[in-house]
Amino acid sequence: MSGDIVGMWEVSLSDGVYSVEFEHGTTTGKRVIYINGKEVLRRDWMFKLVGRETFPVGSTDTKATISIEAINGFTYEYTLEINGKSLQTFLDNRSKISKTWLLKLDGNDCRIVLEKDTMDVWCNGQKMDTMGEFTDDGTETHFAVGNHECCIKATSSGRKRNRIVHSLLVDGTRIEEAIEKN
């Protein structure tokens, strides 16, 4: 990577948190996109300095687009969209449709994500095999991480606004939900 990095964003997806960096050489027309430090797209000698670059992020190939707009003269603004939404709007929506827990298991960092709309569970970028069951007070989604028994319980909160509460239990111990920064 050179000194032409003009934009850096952090994108939280179910399969991980991705660092997106954009390099724009305004004299050479170069455009380079890095995800987690790895080059994923390069265009040299682009004579049009404004425009859009679209690329996939994560194992589910989530659509990302960087827009380059001229502000005045040779000043540019760079924005990142995820699935057609501004990054902030995407992250705000994600916080409504997913739950994330960060914990250590056997000395290793674990990031467990529940996608509430599909009930898919991810751990450190891997979609987990789960088994769901109905209980008297809601549902339980069971899965294993290594030798650890995990369960996400969905129960009624008794309130209209936040109707369902999701709780992660690992080996019977409740884990607090992580607050991922937007």
N, C-alpha and C. Protein backbone atom coordinates (compact mmCIF):
# COMPACT_ATOMS: atom_id res chain seq x y z
N MET A 1 0.84 -1.18 0.00
CA MET A 1 0.00 0.00 0.00
C MET A 1 0.88 1.24 0.00
N SER A 2 0.42 2.23 -0.72
CA SER A 2 1.20 3.46 -0.80
C SER A 2 0.55 4.56 0.02
N GLY A 3 1.01 5.76 -0.14
CA GLY A 3 0.49 6.88 0.61
C GLY A 3 -0.76 7.49 0.02
N ASP A 4 -1.38 6.84 -0.95
CA ASP A 4 -2.57 7.38 -1.60
C ASP A 4 -3.87 6.88 -0.97
N ILE A 5 -3.83 6.33 0.25
CA ILE A 5 -5.05 5.86 0.91
C ILE A 5 -5.89 7.08 1.25
N VAL A 6 -7.11 7.12 0.71
CA VAL A 6 -7.98 8.28 0.91
C VAL A 6 -9.25 7.93 1.69
N GLY A 7 -9.51 6.65 1.86
CA GLY A 7 -10.71 6.25 2.59
C GLY A 7 -10.48 4.95 3.32
N MET A 8 -10.97 4.90 4.57
CA MET A 8 -10.90 3.67 5.37
C MET A 8 -12.23 3.50 6.08
N TRP A 9 -12.78 2.29 6.00
CA TRP A 9 -14.05 1.99 6.63
C TRP A 9 -13.97 0.64 7.30
N GLU A 10 -14.79 0.44 8.34
CA GLU A 10 -14.92 -0.86 8.98
C GLU A 10 -16.34 -1.35 8.76
N VAL A 11 -16.46 -2.57 8.21
CA VAL A 11 -17.77 -3.12 7.87
C VAL A 11 -17.99 -4.39 8.69
N SER A 12 -19.04 -4.38 9.52
CA SER A 12 -19.39 -5.56 10.32
C SER A 12 -20.44 -6.36 9.58
N LEU A 13 -20.08 -7.60 9.22
CA LEU A 13 -21.00 -8.53 8.60
C LEU A 13 -21.14 -9.74 9.52
N SER A 14 -22.06 -10.63 9.20
CA SER A 14 -22.24 -11.82 10.03
C SER A 14 -20.99 -12.68 10.08
N ASP A 15 -20.26 -12.73 8.96
CA ASP A 15 -19.09 -13.62 8.91
C ASP A 15 -17.79 -12.93 9.33
N GLY A 16 -17.87 -11.70 9.82
CA GLY A 16 -16.66 -11.05 10.32
C GLY A 16 -16.71 -9.54 10.17
N VAL A 17 -15.67 -8.91 10.70
CA VAL A 17 -15.51 -7.46 10.59
C VAL A 17 -14.40 -7.22 9.57
N TYR A 18 -14.69 -6.41 8.56
CA TYR A 18 -13.77 -6.20 7.46
C TYR A 18 -13.30 -4.76 7.42
N SER A 19 -12.00 -4.57 7.23
CA SER A 19 -11.41 -3.26 7.06
C SER A 19 -11.27 -3.01 5.57
N VAL A 20 -11.92 -1.97 5.06
CA VAL A 20 -11.88 -1.62 3.65
C VAL A 20 -11.06 -0.34 3.50
N GLU A 21 -10.04 -0.38 2.63
CA GLU A 21 -9.21 0.79 2.37
C GLU A 21 -9.23 1.08 0.87
N PHE A 22 -9.27 2.36 0.55
CA PHE A 22 -9.32 2.78 -0.85
C PHE A 22 -8.16 3.71 -1.14
N GLU A 23 -7.43 3.37 -2.18
CA GLU A 23 -6.28 4.15 -2.64
C GLU A 23 -6.67 4.81 -3.95
N HIS A 24 -6.48 6.13 -4.04
CA HIS A 24 -6.86 6.86 -5.25
C HIS A 24 -5.72 7.79 -5.64
N GLY A 25 -5.08 7.46 -6.72
CA GLY A 25 -4.01 8.31 -7.24
C GLY A 25 -4.61 9.31 -8.21
N THR A 26 -4.75 10.54 -7.76
CA THR A 26 -5.42 11.54 -8.60
C THR A 26 -4.54 12.01 -9.75
N THR A 27 -3.23 11.79 -9.67
CA THR A 27 -2.37 12.15 -10.80
C THR A 27 -2.19 10.98 -11.76
N THR A 28 -2.26 9.75 -11.25
CA THR A 28 -2.07 8.57 -12.10
C THR A 28 -3.38 7.91 -12.51
N GLY A 29 -4.47 8.29 -11.84
CA GLY A 29 -5.75 7.66 -12.14
C GLY A 29 -5.89 6.28 -11.51
N LYS A 30 -4.98 5.92 -10.63
CA LYS A 30 -4.98 4.59 -10.03
C LYS A 30 -6.09 4.49 -8.98
N ARG A 31 -6.76 3.32 -8.94
CA ARG A 31 -7.74 3.00 -7.91
C ARG A 31 -7.41 1.60 -7.41
N VAL A 32 -7.21 1.48 -6.09
CA VAL A 32 -6.93 0.17 -5.50
C VAL A 32 -7.79 0.02 -4.25
N ILE A 33 -8.41 -1.16 -4.11
CA ILE A 33 -9.22 -1.47 -2.94
C ILE A 33 -8.57 -2.63 -2.19
N TYR A 34 -8.43 -2.45 -0.88
CA TYR A 34 -7.88 -3.49 -0.01
C TYR A 34 -8.95 -3.89 1.00
N ILE A 35 -9.06 -5.18 1.25
CA ILE A 35 -9.91 -5.68 2.32
C ILE A 35 -9.01 -6.44 3.28
N ASN A 36 -9.00 -5.99 4.53
CA ASN A 36 -8.12 -6.56 5.56
C ASN A 36 -6.67 -6.61 5.08
N GLY A 37 -6.25 -5.55 4.38
CA GLY A 37 -4.87 -5.43 3.92
C GLY A 37 -4.55 -6.16 2.64
N LYS A 38 -5.50 -6.92 2.08
CA LYS A 38 -5.26 -7.69 0.86
C LYS A 38 -5.90 -6.97 -0.33
N GLU A 39 -5.11 -6.78 -1.38
CA GLU A 39 -5.62 -6.10 -2.57
C GLU A 39 -6.68 -6.96 -3.25
N VAL A 40 -7.87 -6.36 -3.50
CA VAL A 40 -8.96 -7.09 -4.15
C VAL A 40 -9.36 -6.49 -5.48
N LEU A 41 -8.95 -5.24 -5.74
CA LEU A 41 -9.28 -4.61 -7.02
C LEU A 41 -8.22 -3.55 -7.32
N ARG A 42 -7.77 -3.52 -8.57
CA ARG A 42 -6.79 -2.51 -9.00
C ARG A 42 -7.15 -2.07 -10.42
N ARG A 43 -7.19 -0.76 -10.58
CA ARG A 43 -7.35 -0.17 -11.91
C ARG A 43 -6.30 0.92 -12.04
N ASP A 44 -5.48 0.80 -13.07
CA ASP A 44 -4.45 1.80 -13.32
C ASP A 44 -4.85 2.66 -14.51
N TRP A 45 -4.35 3.88 -14.52
CA TRP A 45 -4.52 4.81 -15.62
C TRP A 45 -5.99 5.06 -15.97
N MET A 46 -6.79 5.30 -14.93
CA MET A 46 -8.19 5.68 -15.14
C MET A 46 -8.20 7.18 -15.44
N PHE A 47 -8.64 7.56 -16.62
CA PHE A 47 -8.63 8.96 -17.00
C PHE A 47 -9.80 9.73 -16.39
N LYS A 48 -10.87 9.00 -16.05
CA LYS A 48 -12.00 9.63 -15.38
C LYS A 48 -11.75 9.45 -13.88
N LEU A 49 -11.54 10.56 -13.17
CA LEU A 49 -11.16 10.49 -11.76
C LEU A 49 -12.35 10.30 -10.82
N VAL A 50 -13.57 10.51 -11.32
CA VAL A 50 -14.76 10.30 -10.50
C VAL A 50 -15.47 9.04 -11.00
N GLY A 51 -16.36 8.52 -10.19
CA GLY A 51 -17.10 7.32 -10.59
C GLY A 51 -17.36 6.40 -9.42
N ARG A 52 -17.58 5.12 -9.73
CA ARG A 52 -17.92 4.12 -8.72
C ARG A 52 -17.12 2.85 -8.95
N GLU A 53 -16.75 2.20 -7.86
CA GLU A 53 -16.11 0.88 -7.93
C GLU A 53 -16.91 -0.06 -7.06
N THR A 54 -17.36 -1.17 -7.65
CA THR A 54 -18.16 -2.15 -6.92
C THR A 54 -17.35 -3.42 -6.76
N PHE A 55 -17.46 -4.02 -5.57
CA PHE A 55 -16.67 -5.20 -5.24
C PHE A 55 -17.38 -5.99 -4.14
N PRO A 56 -17.08 -7.29 -4.02
CA PRO A 56 -17.71 -8.11 -2.97
C PRO A 56 -16.91 -8.06 -1.67
N VAL A 57 -17.63 -8.16 -0.55
CA VAL A 57 -17.01 -8.21 0.78
C VAL A 57 -17.54 -9.43 1.51
N GLY A 58 -16.65 -10.18 2.14
CA GLY A 58 -17.05 -11.31 2.98
C GLY A 58 -17.35 -12.57 2.20
N SER A 59 -17.61 -13.62 2.96
CA SER A 59 -17.83 -14.93 2.34
C SER A 59 -19.17 -15.02 1.63
N THR A 60 -20.09 -14.11 1.94
CA THR A 60 -21.38 -14.11 1.26
C THR A 60 -21.41 -13.13 0.09
N ASP A 61 -20.23 -12.58 -0.26
CA ASP A 61 -20.10 -11.64 -1.39
C ASP A 61 -21.09 -10.47 -1.29
N THR A 62 -21.14 -9.85 -0.13
CA THR A 62 -21.97 -8.68 0.07
C THR A 62 -21.48 -7.57 -0.86
N LYS A 63 -22.43 -6.92 -1.55
CA LYS A 63 -22.08 -5.91 -2.55
C LYS A 63 -21.67 -4.60 -1.88
N ALA A 64 -20.47 -4.14 -2.19
CA ALA A 64 -19.97 -2.87 -1.69
C ALA A 64 -19.62 -1.97 -2.87
N THR A 65 -19.86 -0.68 -2.72
CA THR A 65 -19.56 0.29 -3.77
C THR A 65 -18.91 1.52 -3.16
N ILE A 66 -17.77 1.90 -3.70
CA ILE A 66 -17.14 3.16 -3.31
C ILE A 66 -17.45 4.18 -4.39
N SER A 67 -18.00 5.33 -3.97
CA SER A 67 -18.30 6.42 -4.90
C SER A 67 -17.25 7.50 -4.74
N ILE A 68 -16.78 8.00 -5.87
CA ILE A 68 -15.79 9.07 -5.90
C ILE A 68 -16.46 10.27 -6.56
N GLU A 69 -16.56 11.37 -5.80
CA GLU A 69 -17.21 12.57 -6.33
C GLU A 69 -16.28 13.76 -6.15
N ALA A 70 -16.25 14.61 -7.16
CA ALA A 70 -15.46 15.84 -7.07
C ALA A 70 -16.23 16.86 -6.25
N ILE A 71 -15.55 17.46 -5.29
CA ILE A 71 -16.18 18.49 -4.46
C ILE A 71 -15.94 19.86 -5.10
N ASN A 72 -14.66 20.19 -5.32
CA ASN A 72 -14.29 21.40 -6.08
C ASN A 72 -12.83 21.23 -6.49
N GLY A 73 -12.53 21.60 -7.71
CA GLY A 73 -11.16 21.45 -8.21
C GLY A 73 -10.69 20.02 -8.10
N PHE A 74 -9.60 19.82 -7.36
CA PHE A 74 -9.05 18.48 -7.20
C PHE A 74 -9.29 17.94 -5.79
N THR A 75 -10.44 18.32 -5.20
CA THR A 75 -10.83 17.79 -3.91
C THR A 75 -11.95 16.78 -4.15
N TYR A 76 -11.80 15.59 -3.55
CA TYR A 76 -12.74 14.51 -3.79
C TYR A 76 -13.37 14.03 -2.49
N GLU A 77 -14.59 13.50 -2.62
CA GLU A 77 -15.27 12.88 -1.48
C GLU A 77 -15.47 11.41 -1.82
N TYR A 78 -15.23 10.55 -0.84
CA TYR A 78 -15.31 9.11 -1.02
C TYR A 78 -16.35 8.56 -0.04
N THR A 79 -17.31 7.82 -0.57
CA THR A 79 -18.33 7.22 0.29
C THR A 79 -18.44 5.74 -0.03
N LEU A 80 -18.77 4.96 1.01
CA LEU A 80 -18.94 3.51 0.86
C LEU A 80 -20.40 3.16 1.07
N GLU A 81 -20.94 2.39 0.14
CA GLU A 81 -22.29 1.86 0.27
C GLU A 81 -22.20 0.36 0.39
N ILE A 82 -23.06 -0.21 1.21
CA ILE A 82 -23.15 -1.66 1.35
C ILE A 82 -24.57 -2.06 0.98
N ASN A 83 -24.71 -2.96 0.02
CA ASN A 83 -26.02 -3.40 -0.48
C ASN A 83 -26.91 -2.21 -0.84
N GLY A 84 -26.31 -1.18 -1.47
CA GLY A 84 -27.06 -0.04 -1.95
C GLY A 84 -27.43 0.99 -0.91
N LYS A 85 -26.96 0.81 0.34
CA LYS A 85 -27.26 1.76 1.40
C LYS A 85 -25.96 2.38 1.89
N SER A 86 -26.06 3.61 2.41
CA SER A 86 -24.86 4.21 3.00
C SER A 86 -24.37 3.28 4.11
N LEU A 87 -23.09 3.33 4.39
CA LEU A 87 -22.52 2.45 5.41
C LEU A 87 -23.25 2.64 6.74
N GLN A 88 -23.53 3.87 7.13
CA GLN A 88 -24.19 4.12 8.42
C GLN A 88 -25.59 3.51 8.44
N THR A 89 -26.35 3.70 7.36
CA THR A 89 -27.70 3.12 7.29
C THR A 89 -27.63 1.60 7.33
N PHE A 90 -26.67 1.01 6.60
CA PHE A 90 -26.50 -0.44 6.60
C PHE A 90 -26.21 -0.94 8.02
N LEU A 91 -25.27 -0.27 8.72
CA LEU A 91 -24.91 -0.70 10.07
C LEU A 91 -26.07 -0.51 11.04
N ASP A 92 -26.82 0.58 10.89
CA ASP A 92 -28.00 0.79 11.74
C ASP A 92 -29.02 -0.33 11.53
N ASN A 93 -29.26 -0.70 10.27
CA ASN A 93 -30.20 -1.79 9.97
C ASN A 93 -29.68 -3.12 10.51
N ARG A 94 -28.37 -3.37 10.35
CA ARG A 94 -27.78 -4.62 10.84
C ARG A 94 -27.96 -4.77 12.34
N SER A 95 -27.84 -3.66 13.06
CA SER A 95 -27.97 -3.74 14.51
C SER A 95 -29.40 -4.13 14.90
N LYS A 96 -30.36 -3.89 14.01
CA LYS A 96 -31.75 -4.27 14.28
C LYS A 96 -32.02 -5.73 13.93
N ILE A 97 -31.31 -6.27 12.93
CA ILE A 97 -31.61 -7.63 12.48
C ILE A 97 -30.57 -8.66 12.92
N SER A 98 -29.59 -8.24 13.72
CA SER A 98 -28.60 -9.21 14.18
C SER A 98 -28.21 -8.93 15.63
N LYS A 99 -27.70 -9.94 16.27
CA LYS A 99 -27.16 -9.83 17.63
C LYS A 99 -25.74 -10.38 17.59
N THR A 100 -24.83 -9.72 18.31
CA THR A 100 -23.43 -10.14 18.31
C THR A 100 -22.94 -10.31 19.74
N TRP A 101 -22.19 -11.38 19.94
CA TRP A 101 -21.56 -11.63 21.23
C TRP A 101 -20.07 -11.85 21.00
N LEU A 102 -19.25 -11.23 21.84
CA LEU A 102 -17.79 -11.41 21.79
C LEU A 102 -17.37 -12.08 23.09
N LEU A 103 -16.59 -13.16 22.97
CA LEU A 103 -16.16 -13.89 24.15
C LEU A 103 -14.87 -14.63 23.87
N LYS A 104 -14.27 -15.16 24.92
CA LYS A 104 -13.08 -16.00 24.79
C LYS A 104 -13.48 -17.42 25.12
N LEU A 105 -13.12 -18.35 24.25
CA LEU A 105 -13.33 -19.78 24.49
C LEU A 105 -11.99 -20.47 24.34
N ASP A 106 -11.59 -21.18 25.36
CA ASP A 106 -10.30 -21.89 25.34
C ASP A 106 -9.16 -20.96 24.98
N GLY A 107 -9.23 -19.71 25.44
CA GLY A 107 -8.16 -18.73 25.19
C GLY A 107 -8.22 -18.05 23.84
N ASN A 108 -9.21 -18.39 23.01
CA ASN A 108 -9.34 -17.79 21.68
C ASN A 108 -10.53 -16.84 21.63
N ASP A 109 -10.36 -15.73 20.87
CA ASP A 109 -11.46 -14.78 20.68
C ASP A 109 -12.54 -15.43 19.82
N CYS A 110 -13.79 -15.22 20.22
CA CYS A 110 -14.94 -15.74 19.47
C CYS A 110 -15.91 -14.61 19.22
N ARG A 111 -16.41 -14.53 18.00
CA ARG A 111 -17.45 -13.56 17.64
C ARG A 111 -18.62 -14.37 17.12
N ILE A 112 -19.71 -14.40 17.89
CA ILE A 112 -20.90 -15.16 17.53
C ILE A 112 -21.98 -14.18 17.12
N VAL A 113 -22.57 -14.42 15.95
CA VAL A 113 -23.60 -13.52 15.40
C VAL A 113 -24.85 -14.32 15.09
N LEU A 114 -25.99 -13.81 15.53
CA LEU A 114 -27.29 -14.36 15.18
C LEU A 114 -27.95 -13.42 14.18
N GLU A 115 -28.34 -13.95 13.04
CA GLU A 115 -29.14 -13.18 12.08
C GLU A 115 -30.60 -13.46 12.43
N LYS A 116 -31.27 -12.47 13.01
CA LYS A 116 -32.62 -12.69 13.52
C LYS A 116 -33.63 -12.99 12.41
N ASP A 117 -33.39 -12.46 11.21
CA ASP A 117 -34.35 -12.68 10.13
C ASP A 117 -34.30 -14.10 9.57
N THR A 118 -33.13 -14.74 9.61
CA THR A 118 -32.99 -16.10 9.07
C THR A 118 -32.72 -17.13 10.16
N MET A 119 -32.36 -16.65 11.36
CA MET A 119 -31.95 -17.49 12.49
C MET A 119 -30.64 -18.23 12.21
N ASP A 120 -29.87 -17.74 11.22
CA ASP A 120 -28.53 -18.29 10.98
C ASP A 120 -27.60 -17.83 12.10
N VAL A 121 -26.68 -18.71 12.48
CA VAL A 121 -25.70 -18.40 13.51
C VAL A 121 -24.32 -18.53 12.88
N TRP A 122 -23.47 -17.54 13.13
CA TRP A 122 -22.10 -17.52 12.62
C TRP A 122 -21.13 -17.44 13.79
N CYS A 123 -20.01 -18.13 13.68
CA CYS A 123 -18.95 -18.03 14.68
C CYS A 123 -17.63 -17.85 13.95
N ASN A 124 -16.99 -16.71 14.17
CA ASN A 124 -15.69 -16.40 13.54
C ASN A 124 -15.70 -16.66 12.04
N GLY A 125 -16.76 -16.23 11.38
CA GLY A 125 -16.81 -16.33 9.93
C GLY A 125 -17.36 -17.63 9.38
N GLN A 126 -17.67 -18.58 10.25
CA GLN A 126 -18.22 -19.86 9.80
C GLN A 126 -19.70 -19.96 10.16
N LYS A 127 -20.50 -20.33 9.17
CA LYS A 127 -21.92 -20.55 9.45
C LYS A 127 -22.03 -21.86 10.22
N MET A 128 -22.72 -21.82 11.34
CA MET A 128 -22.78 -22.98 12.23
C MET A 128 -23.96 -23.89 11.89
N ASP A 129 -23.77 -25.18 12.14
CA ASP A 129 -24.88 -26.13 12.07
C ASP A 129 -25.68 -25.96 13.35
N THR A 130 -26.97 -25.72 13.22
CA THR A 130 -27.79 -25.47 14.40
C THR A 130 -28.97 -26.43 14.43
N MET A 131 -29.55 -26.54 15.62
CA MET A 131 -30.78 -27.30 15.79
C MET A 131 -31.72 -26.43 16.63
N GLY A 132 -32.89 -26.14 16.09
CA GLY A 132 -33.84 -25.30 16.79
C GLY A 132 -34.92 -26.13 17.44
N GLU A 133 -35.42 -25.62 18.57
CA GLU A 133 -36.55 -26.29 19.22
C GLU A 133 -37.42 -25.25 19.90
N PHE A 134 -38.72 -25.58 19.95
CA PHE A 134 -39.67 -24.72 20.64
C PHE A 134 -39.72 -25.12 22.11
N THR A 135 -39.81 -24.12 22.98
CA THR A 135 -39.93 -24.37 24.41
C THR A 135 -41.18 -23.65 24.92
N ASP A 136 -41.49 -23.83 26.20
CA ASP A 136 -42.67 -23.19 26.76
C ASP A 136 -42.59 -21.67 26.71
N ASP A 137 -41.36 -21.11 26.80
CA ASP A 137 -41.24 -19.66 26.84
C ASP A 137 -40.60 -19.06 25.59
N GLY A 138 -40.47 -19.81 24.49
CA GLY A 138 -39.90 -19.28 23.25
C GLY A 138 -39.24 -20.36 22.42
N THR A 139 -38.04 -20.04 21.92
CA THR A 139 -37.29 -21.02 21.13
C THR A 139 -35.86 -21.09 21.64
N GLU A 140 -35.22 -22.20 21.31
CA GLU A 140 -33.80 -22.37 21.61
C GLU A 140 -33.11 -22.86 20.34
N THR A 141 -31.99 -22.23 20.02
CA THR A 141 -31.18 -22.64 18.88
C THR A 141 -29.86 -23.18 19.44
N HIS A 142 -29.63 -24.47 19.24
CA HIS A 142 -28.46 -25.13 19.81
C HIS A 142 -27.37 -25.31 18.75
N PHE A 143 -26.12 -25.15 19.17
CA PHE A 143 -24.96 -25.38 18.31
C PHE A 143 -23.75 -25.58 19.21
N ALA A 144 -22.67 -26.01 18.62
CA ALA A 144 -21.45 -26.25 19.40
C ALA A 144 -20.30 -25.44 18.81
N VAL A 145 -19.45 -24.93 19.70
CA VAL A 145 -18.20 -24.28 19.30
C VAL A 145 -17.11 -25.08 20.00
N GLY A 146 -16.37 -25.85 19.23
CA GLY A 146 -15.39 -26.76 19.83
C GLY A 146 -16.12 -27.75 20.72
N ASN A 147 -15.69 -27.86 21.97
CA ASN A 147 -16.33 -28.77 22.93
C ASN A 147 -17.36 -28.05 23.79
N HIS A 148 -17.74 -26.84 23.40
CA HIS A 148 -18.66 -26.04 24.21
C HIS A 148 -20.08 -26.10 23.64
N GLU A 149 -21.03 -26.36 24.53
CA GLU A 149 -22.44 -26.37 24.14
C GLU A 149 -22.96 -24.95 24.20
N CYS A 150 -23.55 -24.51 23.09
CA CYS A 150 -24.06 -23.14 23.01
C CYS A 150 -25.55 -23.18 22.71
N CYS A 151 -26.24 -22.16 23.19
CA CYS A 151 -27.68 -22.07 22.97
C CYS A 151 -28.06 -20.60 22.92
N ILE A 152 -28.82 -20.23 21.91
CA ILE A 152 -29.40 -18.89 21.85
C ILE A 152 -30.88 -19.06 22.14
N LYS A 153 -31.31 -18.42 23.23
CA LYS A 153 -32.71 -18.48 23.65
C LYS A 153 -33.42 -17.22 23.17
N ALA A 154 -34.57 -17.40 22.57
CA ALA A 154 -35.43 -16.29 22.17
C ALA A 154 -36.68 -16.37 23.02
N THR A 155 -36.88 -15.34 23.86
CA THR A 155 -38.03 -15.31 24.76
C THR A 155 -38.74 -13.98 24.63
N SER A 156 -40.00 -13.95 25.06
CA SER A 156 -40.77 -12.71 25.02
C SER A 156 -40.33 -11.79 26.14
N SER A 157 -40.23 -10.51 25.80
CA SER A 157 -39.85 -9.52 26.82
C SER A 157 -41.07 -9.05 27.60
N GLY A 158 -42.26 -9.32 27.05
CA GLY A 158 -43.48 -8.83 27.68
C GLY A 158 -43.79 -7.39 27.33
N ARG A 159 -42.92 -6.76 26.52
CA ARG A 159 -43.13 -5.36 26.10
C ARG A 159 -43.45 -5.33 24.62
N LYS A 160 -44.19 -4.31 24.22
CA LYS A 160 -44.56 -4.18 22.81
C LYS A 160 -43.38 -3.79 21.93
N ARG A 161 -42.54 -2.85 22.40
CA ARG A 161 -41.49 -2.29 21.56
C ARG A 161 -40.39 -3.32 21.26
N ASN A 162 -39.84 -3.94 22.26
CA ASN A 162 -38.81 -4.97 22.08
C ASN A 162 -39.42 -6.30 22.47
N ARG A 163 -40.09 -6.91 21.53
CA ARG A 163 -40.88 -8.09 21.84
C ARG A 163 -40.05 -9.32 22.18
N ILE A 164 -38.96 -9.54 21.47
CA ILE A 164 -38.19 -10.77 21.66
C ILE A 164 -36.80 -10.44 22.17
N VAL A 165 -36.37 -11.16 23.18
CA VAL A 165 -35.04 -10.98 23.75
C VAL A 165 -34.23 -12.23 23.39
N HIS A 166 -33.03 -12.01 22.84
CA HIS A 166 -32.14 -13.12 22.48
C HIS A 166 -30.99 -13.16 23.48
N SER A 167 -30.76 -14.34 24.04
CA SER A 167 -29.69 -14.52 25.02
C SER A 167 -28.82 -15.69 24.59
N LEU A 168 -27.50 -15.51 24.72
CA LEU A 168 -26.56 -16.58 24.41
C LEU A 168 -26.10 -17.23 25.71
N LEU A 169 -26.17 -18.54 25.73
CA LEU A 169 -25.62 -19.31 26.85
C LEU A 169 -24.53 -20.23 26.31
N VAL A 170 -23.38 -20.20 26.96
CA VAL A 170 -22.28 -21.10 26.60
C VAL A 170 -22.00 -21.95 27.83
N ASP A 171 -22.16 -23.26 27.66
CA ASP A 171 -22.02 -24.21 28.77
C ASP A 171 -22.88 -23.77 29.96
N GLY A 172 -24.08 -23.24 29.64
CA GLY A 172 -25.03 -22.84 30.68
C GLY A 172 -24.83 -21.45 31.24
N THR A 173 -23.77 -20.74 30.86
CA THR A 173 -23.49 -19.40 31.38
C THR A 173 -23.93 -18.34 30.38
N ARG A 174 -24.72 -17.36 30.86
CA ARG A 174 -25.21 -16.29 29.99
C ARG A 174 -24.06 -15.35 29.62
N ILE A 175 -23.98 -14.98 28.33
CA ILE A 175 -22.95 -14.08 27.80
C ILE A 175 -23.63 -12.76 27.44
N GLU A 176 -23.02 -11.64 27.84
CA GLU A 176 -23.58 -10.32 27.52
C GLU A 176 -23.39 -10.02 26.03
N GLU A 177 -24.38 -9.37 25.45
CA GLU A 177 -24.30 -8.97 24.04
C GLU A 177 -23.25 -7.88 23.86
N ALA A 178 -22.52 -7.95 22.76
CA ALA A 178 -21.52 -6.92 22.44
C ALA A 178 -22.20 -5.75 21.77
N ILE A 179 -21.70 -4.57 22.00
CA ILE A 179 -22.17 -3.37 21.31
C ILE A 179 -21.11 -3.06 20.26
N GLU A 180 -21.42 -3.38 18.99
CA GLU A 180 -20.46 -3.09 17.91
C GLU A 180 -20.62 -1.64 17.52
N LYS A 181 -19.48 -0.95 17.40
CA LYS A 181 -19.52 0.47 17.09
C LYS A 181 -19.97 0.70 15.66
N ASN A 182 -20.77 1.71 15.48
CA ASN A 182 -21.26 2.07 14.14
C ASN A 182 -20.44 3.20 13.62
